[in-house]
């Protein structure tokens, strides 16, 4: 049987390592700061990812557009994959690599932020979304794992979880999302 205690310690150790990393803390603080500026300027945040990372994008967007820990006005944040008709049409007509880029081109504006989530840092559709966002003068934040992949080099800010275990990376990503939501909510409201 799987050792539950060992898995919990493994997850906790990833977060303990991040808490001890000044570079990680600094980039997370900077990401929170630019997200706050974005919302205060009346701009929006778009998010994308695949599989569990798509679920994380939707979860974080819901915390921002709904509420996190306190009642307050909603913030404009949206996960780009929530329209299944769009996703299937664009995947069919242009290929899955283009689904997030096309939506970013359609609704992204200068001053908006795109958050791309990829445990490998190499998800082609997330990379293309970041490239599309940069063409529109949007800032980009990536949440990655492993060595940061290609997203590390093309994103304005890369919040990397230097681990090779997808589950541990995703657990850290949702914690990072909650940290960002907490800072944003406390600062703006």
Protein backbone atom coordinates (compact mmCIF):
# COMPACT_ATOMS: atom_id res chain seq x y z
CA UNK A 1 0.00 0.00 0.00
CA UNK A 2 1.14 3.56 -0.74
CA UNK A 3 2.70 5.35 2.21
CA UNK A 4 0.30 8.25 2.79
CA UNK A 5 2.55 9.91 5.35
CA UNK A 6 5.49 9.85 2.90
CA UNK A 7 3.39 11.49 0.17
CA UNK A 8 2.27 14.23 2.55
CA UNK A 9 5.88 14.88 3.59
CA UNK A 10 6.95 14.92 -0.06
CA UNK A 11 4.33 17.58 -0.83
CA UNK A 12 5.23 19.60 2.27
CA UNK A 13 8.94 19.45 1.42
CA UNK A 14 8.33 21.00 -2.00
CA UNK A 15 6.57 23.97 -0.39
CA UNK A 16 9.18 24.24 2.38
CA UNK A 17 11.87 24.42 -0.30
CA UNK A 18 9.97 27.21 -2.09
CA UNK A 19 9.54 29.14 1.18
CA UNK A 20 13.34 29.05 1.60
CA UNK A 21 14.08 30.31 -1.93
CA UNK A 22 14.53 34.13 -2.05
CA UNK A 23 14.33 34.17 -5.86
CA UNK A 24 10.99 32.34 -5.79
CA UNK A 25 9.64 34.73 -3.13
CA UNK A 26 10.81 37.77 -5.12
CA UNK A 27 9.24 36.69 -8.43
CA UNK A 28 5.98 35.75 -6.69
CA UNK A 29 5.85 39.18 -5.00
CA UNK A 30 6.55 40.88 -8.33
CA UNK A 31 3.81 38.84 -10.04
CA UNK A 32 1.35 39.84 -7.30
CA UNK A 33 2.37 43.48 -7.74
CA UNK A 34 1.77 43.53 -11.49
CA UNK A 35 -1.55 41.70 -11.08
CA UNK A 36 -2.66 44.36 -8.59
CA UNK A 37 -1.63 47.11 -11.01
CA UNK A 38 -3.52 45.36 -13.81
CA UNK A 39 -6.76 45.17 -11.83
CA UNK A 40 -6.42 48.73 -10.48
CA UNK A 41 -6.03 49.94 -14.07
CA UNK A 42 -9.30 48.30 -15.11
CA UNK A 43 -7.62 45.52 -17.08
CA UNK A 44 -8.24 41.77 -16.94
CA UNK A 45 -6.35 38.54 -16.37
CA UNK A 46 -6.62 35.59 -18.75
CA UNK A 47 -5.41 32.12 -17.78
CA UNK A 48 -4.69 28.88 -19.58
CA UNK A 49 -3.32 25.39 -19.05
CA UNK A 50 -4.00 21.76 -19.93
CA UNK A 51 -5.51 18.99 -17.80
CA UNK A 52 -4.85 19.68 -14.13
CA UNK A 53 -3.28 23.00 -15.08
CA UNK A 54 -6.53 23.98 -16.85
CA UNK A 55 -8.38 23.12 -13.64
CA UNK A 56 -5.90 25.29 -11.71
CA UNK A 57 -6.41 28.17 -14.17
CA UNK A 58 -10.18 27.90 -13.75
CA UNK A 59 -9.87 27.61 -9.96
CA UNK A 60 -7.68 30.71 -9.64
CA UNK A 61 -9.89 32.69 -12.06
CA UNK A 62 -12.93 31.76 -9.96
CA UNK A 63 -11.21 32.93 -6.76
CA UNK A 64 -10.53 36.30 -8.40
CA UNK A 65 -13.80 36.82 -10.27
CA UNK A 66 -15.93 35.41 -7.47
CA UNK A 67 -14.32 35.78 -4.09
CA UNK A 68 -11.38 34.37 -2.20
CA UNK A 69 -11.56 34.98 1.55
CA UNK A 70 -13.83 38.00 1.83
CA UNK A 71 -16.84 39.56 0.19
CA UNK A 72 -15.71 42.23 -2.24
CA UNK A 73 -16.35 43.37 -5.80
CA UNK A 74 -15.40 40.84 -8.49
CA UNK A 75 -12.17 41.12 -10.45
CA UNK A 76 -12.07 40.46 -14.22
CA UNK A 77 -10.34 37.09 -14.56
CA UNK A 78 -11.18 34.20 -16.86
CA UNK A 79 -9.81 30.80 -17.83
CA UNK A 80 -9.64 30.56 -21.62
CA UNK A 81 -10.84 26.95 -21.93
CA UNK A 82 -14.33 27.24 -20.43
CA UNK A 83 -16.20 27.57 -23.76
CA UNK A 84 -16.34 23.98 -25.05
CA UNK A 85 -17.86 24.94 -28.42
CA UNK A 86 -15.01 27.37 -29.04
CA UNK A 87 -12.40 24.82 -27.91
CA UNK A 88 -13.69 22.08 -30.19
CA UNK A 89 -14.22 24.38 -33.21
CA UNK A 90 -10.78 25.97 -33.03
CA UNK A 91 -9.11 22.62 -32.31
CA UNK A 92 -10.82 21.19 -35.38
CA UNK A 93 -10.20 24.17 -37.67
CA UNK A 94 -6.76 25.37 -36.54
CA UNK A 95 -5.33 22.63 -34.32
CA UNK A 96 -5.17 22.35 -30.54
CA UNK A 97 -1.91 24.30 -30.44
CA UNK A 98 -3.85 27.44 -31.40
CA UNK A 99 -6.81 27.34 -29.00
CA UNK A 100 -5.38 29.74 -26.40
CA UNK A 101 -3.53 31.97 -28.86
CA UNK A 102 -6.69 32.70 -30.86
CA UNK A 103 -8.72 33.54 -27.76
CA UNK A 104 -5.89 35.75 -26.50
CA UNK A 105 -5.87 37.52 -29.87
CA UNK A 106 -9.65 37.92 -29.67
CA UNK A 107 -10.07 39.32 -26.16
CA UNK A 108 -6.64 40.27 -24.86
CA UNK A 109 -5.72 43.95 -24.75
CA UNK A 110 -2.68 46.02 -23.90
CA UNK A 111 -2.42 46.16 -20.11
CA UNK A 112 -4.08 42.76 -19.60
CA UNK A 113 -2.09 39.85 -18.19
CA UNK A 114 -1.95 36.26 -19.41
CA UNK A 115 -1.07 33.54 -16.91
CA UNK A 116 0.05 30.32 -18.58
CA UNK A 117 0.31 27.18 -16.47
CA UNK A 118 2.39 24.20 -17.60
CA UNK A 119 4.13 21.70 -15.34
CA UNK A 120 6.75 21.05 -18.04
CA UNK A 121 6.92 24.63 -19.27
CA UNK A 122 6.69 23.21 -22.78
CA UNK A 123 2.95 23.00 -23.59
CA UNK A 124 2.77 24.26 -27.16
CA UNK A 125 -0.70 25.81 -26.86
CA UNK A 126 0.34 27.73 -23.73
CA UNK A 127 3.57 28.87 -25.41
CA UNK A 128 1.62 30.16 -28.41
CA UNK A 129 -0.78 32.00 -26.08
CA UNK A 130 2.16 33.71 -24.38
CA UNK A 131 3.56 34.67 -27.78
CA UNK A 132 0.15 36.07 -28.84
CA UNK A 133 -0.12 38.01 -25.58
CA UNK A 134 3.31 39.57 -26.03
CA UNK A 135 2.31 40.72 -29.54
CA UNK A 136 -0.63 42.53 -27.93
CA UNK A 137 1.60 44.24 -25.32
CA UNK A 138 0.18 42.12 -22.52
CA UNK A 139 2.39 41.07 -19.63
CA UNK A 140 2.84 37.33 -19.16
CA UNK A 141 3.29 35.19 -16.08
CA UNK A 142 4.02 31.49 -16.28
CA UNK A 143 3.66 28.87 -13.57
CA UNK A 144 5.99 26.04 -14.45
CA UNK A 145 7.82 23.05 -13.03
CA UNK A 146 11.00 21.12 -13.74
CA UNK A 147 13.51 23.57 -15.30
CA UNK A 148 10.83 26.04 -16.48
CA UNK A 149 10.90 24.77 -20.05
CA UNK A 150 10.47 27.15 -22.97
CA UNK A 151 8.00 29.28 -21.01
CA UNK A 152 10.81 30.38 -18.69
CA UNK A 153 12.51 32.23 -21.55
CA UNK A 154 9.47 33.84 -23.19
CA UNK A 155 7.42 34.92 -20.15
CA UNK A 156 7.89 38.25 -18.42
CA UNK A 157 7.73 36.44 -15.08
CA UNK A 158 8.26 32.73 -14.52
CA UNK A 159 7.21 31.27 -11.17
CA UNK A 160 8.95 27.93 -11.32
CA UNK A 161 8.55 24.92 -9.02
CA UNK A 162 11.87 23.09 -9.56
CA UNK A 163 10.55 19.56 -9.17
CA UNK A 164 10.02 16.67 -11.60
CA UNK A 165 6.85 15.21 -10.07
CA UNK A 166 3.76 16.53 -11.85
CA UNK A 167 1.48 16.04 -8.82
CA UNK A 168 3.85 17.92 -6.51
CA UNK A 169 4.21 20.74 -9.07
CA UNK A 170 0.42 21.06 -9.41
CA UNK A 171 -0.02 21.09 -5.63
CA UNK A 172 2.47 23.94 -5.44
CA UNK A 173 0.78 25.78 -8.33
CA UNK A 174 -2.56 25.92 -6.56
CA UNK A 175 -0.80 27.12 -3.41
CA UNK A 176 0.89 29.84 -5.48
CA UNK A 177 -2.50 30.76 -6.94
CA UNK A 178 -3.97 31.08 -3.46
CA UNK A 179 -1.02 33.20 -2.32
CA UNK A 180 -1.52 35.55 -5.27
CA UNK A 181 -5.26 35.77 -4.57
CA UNK A 182 -4.62 36.55 -0.89
CA UNK A 183 -2.14 39.33 -1.68
CA UNK A 184 -4.39 40.81 -4.39
CA UNK A 185 -7.49 40.73 -2.21
CA UNK A 186 -5.76 42.20 0.85
CA UNK A 187 -4.09 44.97 -1.16
CA UNK A 188 -6.97 46.08 -3.37
CA UNK A 189 -9.75 45.65 -0.82
